[in-house]
Amino acid sequence: MRSREVLERKMLNLSLTELIIILGILFFIFGGRKIPQISKGFGLAIRNFKKGLHEPEAIDVTPTKESPAEKENPPAKGQ
């Protein structure tokens, strides 16, 4: 278990030079206009994920095929 934690720390340990190279490649691939849009979308996704973790589960209000009135008074067989 301890070796897994050490391995994860080593994998995410990036130097400044590596970060500059990665950012340069991203700038070259996506261009200057797309990078702010991508980072904004990524930030919103993280914010919504964190917000969803703290909110209680939403109640499903999707209507069913059979309404409550039909359950109480089912139609006659002849109709």
C-alpha atoms as a PDB file:
ATOM      1  CA  MET A   1       0.000   0.000   0.000  1.00  0.00           C
ATOM      2  CA  ARG A   2       2.828   2.387   0.841  1.00  0.00           C
ATOM      3  CA  SER A   3       4.621   1.737  -2.458  1.00  0.00           C
ATOM      4  CA  ARG A   4       1.471   2.732  -4.364  1.00  0.00           C
ATOM      5  CA  GLU A   5       1.414   6.142  -2.633  1.00  0.00           C
ATOM      6  CA  VAL A   6       5.091   6.697  -3.453  1.00  0.00           C
ATOM      7  CA  LEU A   7       4.495   5.727  -7.091  1.00  0.00           C
ATOM      8  CA  GLU A   8       1.557   8.154  -7.404  1.00  0.00           C
ATOM      9  CA  ARG A   9       3.657  10.998  -5.976  1.00  0.00           C
ATOM     10  CA  LYS A  10       6.476  10.296  -8.414  1.00  0.00           C
ATOM     11  CA  MET A  11       4.123  10.227 -11.397  1.00  0.00           C
ATOM     12  CA  LEU A  12       2.704  13.689 -10.649  1.00  0.00           C
ATOM     13  CA  ASN A  13       6.005  15.311  -9.785  1.00  0.00           C
ATOM     14  CA  LEU A  14       6.629  17.557 -12.816  1.00  0.00           C
ATOM     15  CA  SER A  15       9.413  20.094 -13.048  1.00  0.00           C
ATOM     16  CA  LEU A  16       9.024  23.612 -14.401  1.00  0.00           C
ATOM     17  CA  THR A  17      10.714  22.664 -17.673  1.00  0.00           C
ATOM     18  CA  GLU A  18       8.292  19.787 -18.237  1.00  0.00           C
ATOM     19  CA  LEU A  19       5.294  22.045 -17.557  1.00  0.00           C
ATOM     20  CA  ILE A  20       6.583  24.646 -20.040  1.00  0.00           C
ATOM     21  CA  ILE A  21       7.031  21.963 -22.702  1.00  0.00           C
ATOM     22  CA  ILE A  22       3.521  20.605 -22.100  1.00  0.00           C
ATOM     23  CA  LEU A  23       2.004  24.113 -22.267  1.00  0.00           C
ATOM     24  CA  GLY A  24       3.936  24.831 -25.476  1.00  0.00           C
ATOM     25  CA  ILE A  25       2.605  21.661 -27.097  1.00  0.00           C
ATOM     26  CA  LEU A  26      -0.952  22.530 -26.012  1.00  0.00           C
ATOM     27  CA  PHE A  27      -0.565  26.054 -27.409  1.00  0.00           C
ATOM     28  CA  PHE A  28       0.715  24.648 -30.693  1.00  0.00           C
ATOM     29  CA  ILE A  29      -2.130  22.094 -30.997  1.00  0.00           C
ATOM     30  CA  PHE A  30      -5.098  24.216 -29.889  1.00  0.00           C
ATOM     31  CA  GLY A  31      -3.955  27.753 -30.640  1.00  0.00           C
ATOM     32  CA  GLY A  32      -4.221  30.842 -28.469  1.00  0.00           C
ATOM     33  CA  ARG A  33      -7.987  31.227 -28.740  1.00  0.00           C
ATOM     34  CA  LYS A  34      -9.033  27.730 -27.712  1.00  0.00           C
ATOM     35  CA  ILE A  35      -6.915  27.357 -24.574  1.00  0.00           C
ATOM     36  CA  PRO A  36      -8.982  29.821 -22.438  1.00  0.00           C
ATOM     37  CA  GLN A  37     -12.201  28.141 -23.597  1.00  0.00           C
ATOM     38  CA  ILE A  38     -10.868  24.696 -22.726  1.00  0.00           C
ATOM     39  CA  SER A  39      -9.618  25.795 -19.309  1.00  0.00           C
ATOM     40  CA  LYS A  40     -12.939  27.540 -18.579  1.00  0.00           C
ATOM     41  CA  GLY A  41     -14.864  24.383 -19.487  1.00  0.00           C
ATOM     42  CA  PHE A  42     -12.547  22.272 -17.356  1.00  0.00           C
ATOM     43  CA  GLY A  43     -12.972  24.634 -14.402  1.00  0.00           C
ATOM     44  CA  LEU A  44     -16.769  24.577 -14.728  1.00  0.00           C
ATOM     45  CA  ALA A  45     -16.735  20.793 -14.874  1.00  0.00           C
ATOM     46  CA  ILE A  46     -14.697  20.580 -11.666  1.00  0.00           C
ATOM     47  CA  ARG A  47     -16.943  23.143  -9.940  1.00  0.00           C
ATOM     48  CA  ASN A  48     -20.116  21.263 -10.924  1.00  0.00           C
ATOM     49  CA  PHE A  49     -18.602  17.962  -9.795  1.00  0.00           C
ATOM     50  CA  LYS A  50     -17.720  19.379  -6.365  1.00  0.00           C
ATOM     51  CA  LYS A  51     -21.154  20.985  -6.103  1.00  0.00           C
ATOM     52  CA  GLY A  52     -22.787  17.648  -6.910  1.00  0.00           C
ATOM     53  CA  LEU A  53     -20.825  15.924  -4.158  1.00  0.00           C
ATOM     54  CA  HIS A  54     -22.230  18.232  -1.486  1.00  0.00           C
ATOM     55  CA  GLU A  55     -25.849  18.428  -2.668  1.00  0.00           C
ATOM     56  CA  PRO A  56     -28.417  15.810  -1.684  1.00  0.00           C
ATOM     57  CA  GLU A  57     -29.679  13.544  -4.430  1.00  0.00           C
ATOM     58  CA  ALA A  58     -32.407  15.075  -6.555  1.00  0.00           C
ATOM     59  CA  ILE A  59     -35.881  13.604  -6.439  1.00  0.00           C
ATOM     60  CA  ASP A  60     -36.991  12.084  -9.730  1.00  0.00           C
ATOM     61  CA  VAL A  61     -40.189  13.847 -10.834  1.00  0.00           C
ATOM     62  CA  THR A  62     -40.468  12.214 -14.238  1.00  0.00           C
ATOM     63  CA  PRO A  63     -44.119  11.313 -14.866  1.00  0.00           C
ATOM     64  CA  THR A  64     -44.919   7.653 -15.262  1.00  0.00           C
ATOM     65  CA  LYS A  65     -47.038   6.175 -18.033  1.00  0.00           C
ATOM     66  CA  GLU A  66     -49.974   5.672 -15.679  1.00  0.00           C
ATOM     67  CA  SER A  67     -51.215   8.726 -13.778  1.00  0.00           C
ATOM     68  CA  PRO A  68     -52.490   8.443 -10.175  1.00  0.00           C
ATOM     69  CA  ALA A  69     -56.084   9.186 -11.298  1.00  0.00           C
ATOM     70  CA  GLU A  70     -56.052   6.131 -13.573  1.00  0.00           C
ATOM     71  CA  LYS A  71     -54.871   3.936 -10.722  1.00  0.00           C
ATOM     72  CA  GLU A  72     -57.827   4.948  -8.549  1.00  0.00           C
ATOM     73  CA  ASN A  73     -60.486   4.687 -11.307  1.00  0.00           C
ATOM     74  CA  PRO A  74     -59.421   2.150 -13.927  1.00  0.00           C
ATOM     75  CA  PRO A  75     -61.383   2.274 -17.212  1.00  0.00           C
ATOM     76  CA  ALA A  76     -64.151  -0.295 -17.729  1.00  0.00           C
ATOM     77  CA  LYS A  77     -63.412  -3.322 -19.896  1.00  0.00           C
ATOM     78  CA  GLY A  78     -66.039  -2.429 -22.507  1.00  0.00           C
ATOM     79  CA  GLN A  79     -64.588   0.987 -23.218  1.00  0.00           C
END
